[in-house]
Structure formats: C-alpha cells, structure tokens
C-alpha cells in the first residue's frame, strides 16, 4: 500500500508540474497586406530554431491544399504530410487586414528562435521570408515591416 501511495503521489506531482514546463502565451497578430493585384495570398507562419531550420508550423492562411506547394521550402518538409497540426484560416487579399491568434511556447522566447511568414500568390512571386521576426519580448511587442505581399505585422500579447 505504501508503494502505491508513493507512485500515486509521484504521478500527481508530475501532472501538476507539467504545465510549468510547457507554458504557452497567446498573441494576437495583425497582418496588413500591401495593395497588390491578383489572387488572395496564402501565408504560412513557421517557427524556426536557432539554426534557421523549420521546427513547427503555427498557422496557415488558405484552406485549399492544392495550393500549399506554392510554399516551395515549407512544402518540402511539412506540405507532403496529410495531417496539418497548425491552425488554418482564410487567405487574404491585397490591401486587406486580418487578425490571427498564435500560441507561442514561452520556452523559445529570447532563445534565438524566429517566426517566419512565407507568402505566395497564384501566378506571382513567392516570398520565402516575407517577414522574419526574432522571437524576443521586444519584437513581440512591436511592428515589423514585410518585404513582399505583407506590408507589416503587429503583435500584442493576450493577457490571461
């Protein structure tokens, strides 16, 4: 009976401690698009590790899977899988503005990680790094300009 209680207590301690190890913060991310002409843009938001390698897909704007191959680099790694674990939402047109929500693991902030926003428009240019944002508390509190279809991105942390 004592060993059962010890195992139970250890299991309870682990369950209570796990949230402290895997805490995430929610961020509202406002995307303002440049006034381009053509089809709506598909955008993929990825987490890059300190070596600049894809770690995880956080969000994908554009629901029609047949266009995912427009993200040439991302598609090599994530697009070929049948299951997409990221949140998905509608594509966005030129001059439009939208708000998305991102869950970011607190353990990667200020540790050399980045967010990459790739953008693609049918029959137009693909921007591998339309926006790249270092995952720092300062960058997540400000505005970052884009290089392609995205005019700028602004973050705000959602308070619990």
C-alpha atoms as a PDB file:
ATOM      1  CA  UNK A   1       0.000   0.000   0.000  1.00  0.00           C
ATOM      2  CA  UNK A   2       2.875   2.407   0.800  1.00  0.00           C
ATOM      3  CA  UNK A   3       4.423   1.865  -2.641  1.00  0.00           C
ATOM      4  CA  UNK A   4       1.061   2.565  -4.281  1.00  0.00           C
ATOM      5  CA  UNK A   5       0.785   5.851  -2.373  1.00  0.00           C
ATOM      6  CA  UNK A   6       4.340   6.814  -3.354  1.00  0.00           C
ATOM      7  CA  UNK A   7       3.630   6.105  -7.031  1.00  0.00           C
ATOM      8  CA  UNK A   8       0.322   7.973  -6.834  1.00  0.00           C
ATOM      9  CA  UNK A   9       1.985  10.972  -5.161  1.00  0.00           C
ATOM     10  CA  UNK A  10       4.781  10.990  -7.755  1.00  0.00           C
ATOM     11  CA  UNK A  11       2.258  10.837 -10.593  1.00  0.00           C
ATOM     12  CA  UNK A  12       0.262  13.677  -9.078  1.00  0.00           C
ATOM     13  CA  UNK A  13       3.417  15.767  -8.698  1.00  0.00           C
ATOM     14  CA  UNK A  14       4.335  15.185 -12.355  1.00  0.00           C
ATOM     15  CA  UNK A  15       0.834  16.135 -13.541  1.00  0.00           C
ATOM     16  CA  UNK A  16       0.883  19.345 -11.519  1.00  0.00           C
ATOM     17  CA  UNK A  17       4.418  20.230 -12.736  1.00  0.00           C
ATOM     18  CA  UNK A  18       3.874  19.607 -16.476  1.00  0.00           C
ATOM     19  CA  UNK A  19       2.076  22.884 -17.228  1.00  0.00           C
ATOM     20  CA  UNK A  20       5.073  24.803 -15.863  1.00  0.00           C
ATOM     21  CA  UNK A  21       7.313  23.131 -18.423  1.00  0.00           C
ATOM     22  CA  UNK A  22       5.028  23.620 -21.413  1.00  0.00           C
ATOM     23  CA  UNK A  23       3.540  27.060 -20.901  1.00  0.00           C
ATOM     24  CA  UNK A  24       2.439  28.997 -23.926  1.00  0.00           C
ATOM     25  CA  UNK A  25       1.349  32.578 -24.346  1.00  0.00           C
ATOM     26  CA  UNK A  26      -1.332  33.748 -26.722  1.00  0.00           C
ATOM     27  CA  UNK A  27      -0.605  36.583 -29.127  1.00  0.00           C
ATOM     28  CA  UNK A  28      -2.895  38.493 -31.439  1.00  0.00           C
ATOM     29  CA  UNK A  29      -1.122  39.059 -34.722  1.00  0.00           C
ATOM     30  CA  UNK A  30      -2.459  41.736 -37.052  1.00  0.00           C
ATOM     31  CA  UNK A  31      -1.410  41.405 -40.696  1.00  0.00           C
ATOM     32  CA  UNK A  32      -1.750  44.394 -43.012  1.00  0.00           C
ATOM     33  CA  UNK A  33      -1.292  43.484 -46.670  1.00  0.00           C
ATOM     34  CA  UNK A  34       0.182  45.668 -49.399  1.00  0.00           C
ATOM     35  CA  UNK A  35      -2.227  46.790 -52.116  1.00  0.00           C
ATOM     36  CA  UNK A  36      -1.186  44.266 -54.787  1.00  0.00           C
ATOM     37  CA  UNK A  37      -3.410  42.983 -57.596  1.00  0.00           C
ATOM     38  CA  UNK A  38      -4.209  39.355 -58.220  1.00  0.00           C
ATOM     39  CA  UNK A  39      -5.495  36.400 -56.256  1.00  0.00           C
ATOM     40  CA  UNK A  40      -5.604  36.252 -52.472  1.00  0.00           C
ATOM     41  CA  UNK A  41      -2.336  35.423 -50.715  1.00  0.00           C
ATOM     42  CA  UNK A  42      -1.669  32.209 -48.864  1.00  0.00           C
ATOM     43  CA  UNK A  43       0.550  32.719 -45.817  1.00  0.00           C
ATOM     44  CA  UNK A  44       2.302  30.164 -43.651  1.00  0.00           C
ATOM     45  CA  UNK A  45       3.689  31.048 -40.206  1.00  0.00           C
ATOM     46  CA  UNK A  46       6.532  28.793 -39.065  1.00  0.00           C
ATOM     47  CA  UNK A  47       8.732  28.528 -36.018  1.00  0.00           C
ATOM     48  CA  UNK A  48      12.437  28.397 -36.902  1.00  0.00           C
ATOM     49  CA  UNK A  49      15.017  27.063 -34.460  1.00  0.00           C
ATOM     50  CA  UNK A  50      18.255  28.973 -33.706  1.00  0.00           C
ATOM     51  CA  UNK A  51      19.941  27.199 -36.668  1.00  0.00           C
ATOM     52  CA  UNK A  52      17.274  28.617 -39.011  1.00  0.00           C
ATOM     53  CA  UNK A  53      15.608  25.218 -39.565  1.00  0.00           C
ATOM     54  CA  UNK A  54      11.866  24.630 -39.597  1.00  0.00           C
ATOM     55  CA  UNK A  55      10.642  23.462 -36.221  1.00  0.00           C
ATOM     56  CA  UNK A  56       6.862  23.731 -36.421  1.00  0.00           C
ATOM     57  CA  UNK A  57       4.024  25.251 -38.427  1.00  0.00           C
ATOM     58  CA  UNK A  58       1.971  27.608 -36.266  1.00  0.00           C
ATOM     59  CA  UNK A  59      -0.611  28.907 -38.737  1.00  0.00           C
ATOM     60  CA  UNK A  60      -1.569  28.542 -42.382  1.00  0.00           C
ATOM     61  CA  UNK A  61      -3.808  31.043 -44.170  1.00  0.00           C
ATOM     62  CA  UNK A  62      -5.528  29.377 -47.111  1.00  0.00           C
ATOM     63  CA  UNK A  63      -7.639  26.263 -46.881  1.00  0.00           C
ATOM     64  CA  UNK A  64      -7.261  24.751 -50.366  1.00  0.00           C
ATOM     65  CA  UNK A  65      -4.484  22.156 -50.009  1.00  0.00           C
ATOM     66  CA  UNK A  66      -3.801  22.070 -53.754  1.00  0.00           C
ATOM     67  CA  UNK A  67      -2.026  25.451 -53.418  1.00  0.00           C
ATOM     68  CA  UNK A  68       0.239  24.506 -50.489  1.00  0.00           C
ATOM     69  CA  UNK A  69       3.010  23.536 -52.915  1.00  0.00           C
ATOM     70  CA  UNK A  70       3.346  27.281 -53.632  1.00  0.00           C
ATOM     71  CA  UNK A  71       5.371  27.447 -50.410  1.00  0.00           C
ATOM     72  CA  UNK A  72       8.382  25.786 -52.005  1.00  0.00           C
ATOM     73  CA  UNK A  73      10.625  25.447 -48.926  1.00  0.00           C
ATOM     74  CA  UNK A  74       7.892  24.774 -46.384  1.00  0.00           C
ATOM     75  CA  UNK A  75       6.234  22.203 -48.672  1.00  0.00           C
ATOM     76  CA  UNK A  76       9.442  20.133 -48.836  1.00  0.00           C
ATOM     77  CA  UNK A  77       9.159  19.470 -45.112  1.00  0.00           C
ATOM     78  CA  UNK A  78       5.560  19.903 -43.980  1.00  0.00           C
ATOM     79  CA  UNK A  79       3.340  20.104 -47.032  1.00  0.00           C
ATOM     80  CA  UNK A  80       3.704  16.480 -48.060  1.00  0.00           C
ATOM     81  CA  UNK A  81       2.152  15.180 -44.855  1.00  0.00           C
ATOM     82  CA  UNK A  82      -1.552  14.532 -44.901  1.00  0.00           C
ATOM     83  CA  UNK A  83      -2.182  15.964 -41.435  1.00  0.00           C
ATOM     84  CA  UNK A  84      -1.557  19.622 -40.679  1.00  0.00           C
ATOM     85  CA  UNK A  85      -1.355  20.324 -36.936  1.00  0.00           C
ATOM     86  CA  UNK A  86      -1.383  24.104 -37.286  1.00  0.00           C
ATOM     87  CA  UNK A  87      -4.387  26.379 -37.133  1.00  0.00           C
ATOM     88  CA  UNK A  88      -5.759  27.300 -40.530  1.00  0.00           C
ATOM     89  CA  UNK A  89      -7.733  30.262 -41.766  1.00  0.00           C
ATOM     90  CA  UNK A  90      -8.847  32.061 -44.896  1.00  0.00           C
ATOM     91  CA  UNK A  91      -6.434  33.510 -47.435  1.00  0.00           C
ATOM     92  CA  UNK A  92      -6.139  37.307 -47.605  1.00  0.00           C
ATOM     93  CA  UNK A  93      -6.351  39.785 -50.469  1.00  0.00           C
ATOM     94  CA  UNK A  94      -4.307  42.804 -51.438  1.00  0.00           C
ATOM     95  CA  UNK A  95      -4.833  45.812 -49.159  1.00  0.00           C
ATOM     96  CA  UNK A  96      -6.776  43.719 -46.631  1.00  0.00           C
ATOM     97  CA  UNK A  97      -6.123  43.412 -42.930  1.00  0.00           C
ATOM     98  CA  UNK A  98      -6.747  40.422 -40.686  1.00  0.00           C
ATOM     99  CA  UNK A  99      -6.141  39.261 -37.150  1.00  0.00           C
ATOM    100  CA  UNK A 100      -4.882  35.780 -36.272  1.00  0.00           C
ATOM    101  CA  UNK A 101      -4.103  34.208 -32.923  1.00  0.00           C
ATOM    102  CA  UNK A 102      -0.821  32.412 -32.292  1.00  0.00           C
ATOM    103  CA  UNK A 103       0.139  30.216 -29.356  1.00  0.00           C
ATOM    104  CA  UNK A 104       3.877  30.596 -28.716  1.00  0.00           C
ATOM    105  CA  UNK A 105       5.777  28.367 -26.323  1.00  0.00           C
ATOM    106  CA  UNK A 106       7.344  30.611 -23.666  1.00  0.00           C
ATOM    107  CA  UNK A 107      10.467  28.396 -23.622  1.00  0.00           C
ATOM    108  CA  UNK A 108      11.516  29.575 -27.119  1.00  0.00           C
ATOM    109  CA  UNK A 109      11.198  33.326 -26.471  1.00  0.00           C
ATOM    110  CA  UNK A 110      14.580  35.075 -26.145  1.00  0.00           C
ATOM    111  CA  UNK A 111      16.372  31.815 -27.093  1.00  0.00           C
ATOM    112  CA  UNK A 112      17.370  32.543 -30.719  1.00  0.00           C
ATOM    113  CA  UNK A 113      14.158  31.289 -32.377  1.00  0.00           C
ATOM    114  CA  UNK A 114      12.323  33.176 -35.135  1.00  0.00           C
ATOM    115  CA  UNK A 115       8.894  33.365 -36.703  1.00  0.00           C
ATOM    116  CA  UNK A 116       8.835  33.229 -40.489  1.00  0.00           C
ATOM    117  CA  UNK A 117       5.874  34.439 -42.543  1.00  0.00           C
ATOM    118  CA  UNK A 118       6.050  32.998 -46.072  1.00  0.00           C
ATOM    119  CA  UNK A 119       3.651  34.337 -48.671  1.00  0.00           C
ATOM    120  CA  UNK A 120       2.513  33.046 -52.023  1.00  0.00           C
ATOM    121  CA  UNK A 121       0.053  34.300 -54.628  1.00  0.00           C
ATOM    122  CA  UNK A 122      -1.061  32.231 -57.609  1.00  0.00           C
ATOM    123  CA  UNK A 123       0.945  33.061 -60.769  1.00  0.00           C
ATOM    124  CA  UNK A 124       3.033  35.628 -58.873  1.00  0.00           C
ATOM    125  CA  UNK A 125       6.216  35.725 -56.826  1.00  0.00           C
ATOM    126  CA  UNK A 126       6.823  33.523 -53.758  1.00  0.00           C
ATOM    127  CA  UNK A 127       8.399  35.227 -50.733  1.00  0.00           C
ATOM    128  CA  UNK A 128      10.262  32.746 -48.559  1.00  0.00           C
ATOM    129  CA  UNK A 129      10.823  35.313 -45.812  1.00  0.00           C
ATOM    130  CA  UNK A 130       8.201  37.991 -46.405  1.00  0.00           C
ATOM    131  CA  UNK A 131       8.602  38.689 -42.682  1.00  0.00           C
ATOM    132  CA  UNK A 132      11.054  37.139 -40.227  1.00  0.00           C
ATOM    133  CA  UNK A 133      10.739  38.154 -36.615  1.00  0.00           C
ATOM    134  CA  UNK A 134      13.178  37.199 -33.883  1.00  0.00           C
ATOM    135  CA  UNK A 135      11.219  35.672 -31.024  1.00  0.00           C
ATOM    136  CA  UNK A 136      12.152  38.229 -28.411  1.00  0.00           C
ATOM    137  CA  UNK A 137       9.917  40.023 -25.960  1.00  0.00           C
ATOM    138  CA  UNK A 138      10.761  43.301 -27.718  1.00  0.00           C
ATOM    139  CA  UNK A 139       9.912  42.051 -31.212  1.00  0.00           C
ATOM    140  CA  UNK A 140       6.652  40.513 -29.984  1.00  0.00           C
ATOM    141  CA  UNK A 141       5.622  43.898 -28.618  1.00  0.00           C
ATOM    142  CA  UNK A 142       6.169  45.851 -31.820  1.00  0.00           C
ATOM    143  CA  UNK A 143       5.610  46.176 -35.534  1.00  0.00           C
ATOM    144  CA  UNK A 144       7.676  44.531 -38.292  1.00  0.00           C
ATOM    145  CA  UNK A 145       7.575  45.516 -41.973  1.00  0.00           C
ATOM    146  CA  UNK A 146       7.206  42.926 -44.706  1.00  0.00           C
ATOM    147  CA  UNK A 147       9.229  42.533 -47.910  1.00  0.00           C
ATOM    148  CA  UNK A 148       6.553  41.202 -50.251  1.00  0.00           C
ATOM    149  CA  UNK A 149       2.768  40.960 -50.046  1.00  0.00           C
ATOM    150  CA  UNK A 150       2.748  41.713 -46.316  1.00  0.00           C
ATOM    151  CA  UNK A 151       3.007  45.431 -45.549  1.00  0.00           C
ATOM    152  CA  UNK A 152       3.538  44.919 -41.812  1.00  0.00           C
ATOM    153  CA  UNK A 153       2.745  42.704 -38.846  1.00  0.00           C
ATOM    154  CA  UNK A 154       1.949  43.894 -35.333  1.00  0.00           C
ATOM    155  CA  UNK A 155       1.759  41.676 -32.250  1.00  0.00           C
ATOM    156  CA  UNK A 156       0.000  42.136 -28.948  1.00  0.00           C
ATOM    157  CA  UNK A 157       0.110  39.679 -26.084  1.00  0.00           C
ATOM    158  CA  UNK A 158      -3.258  38.454 -24.848  1.00  0.00           C
ATOM    159  CA  UNK A 159      -3.409  38.837 -21.091  1.00  0.00           C
ATOM    160  CA  UNK A 160      -4.701  35.773 -19.227  1.00  0.00           C
END
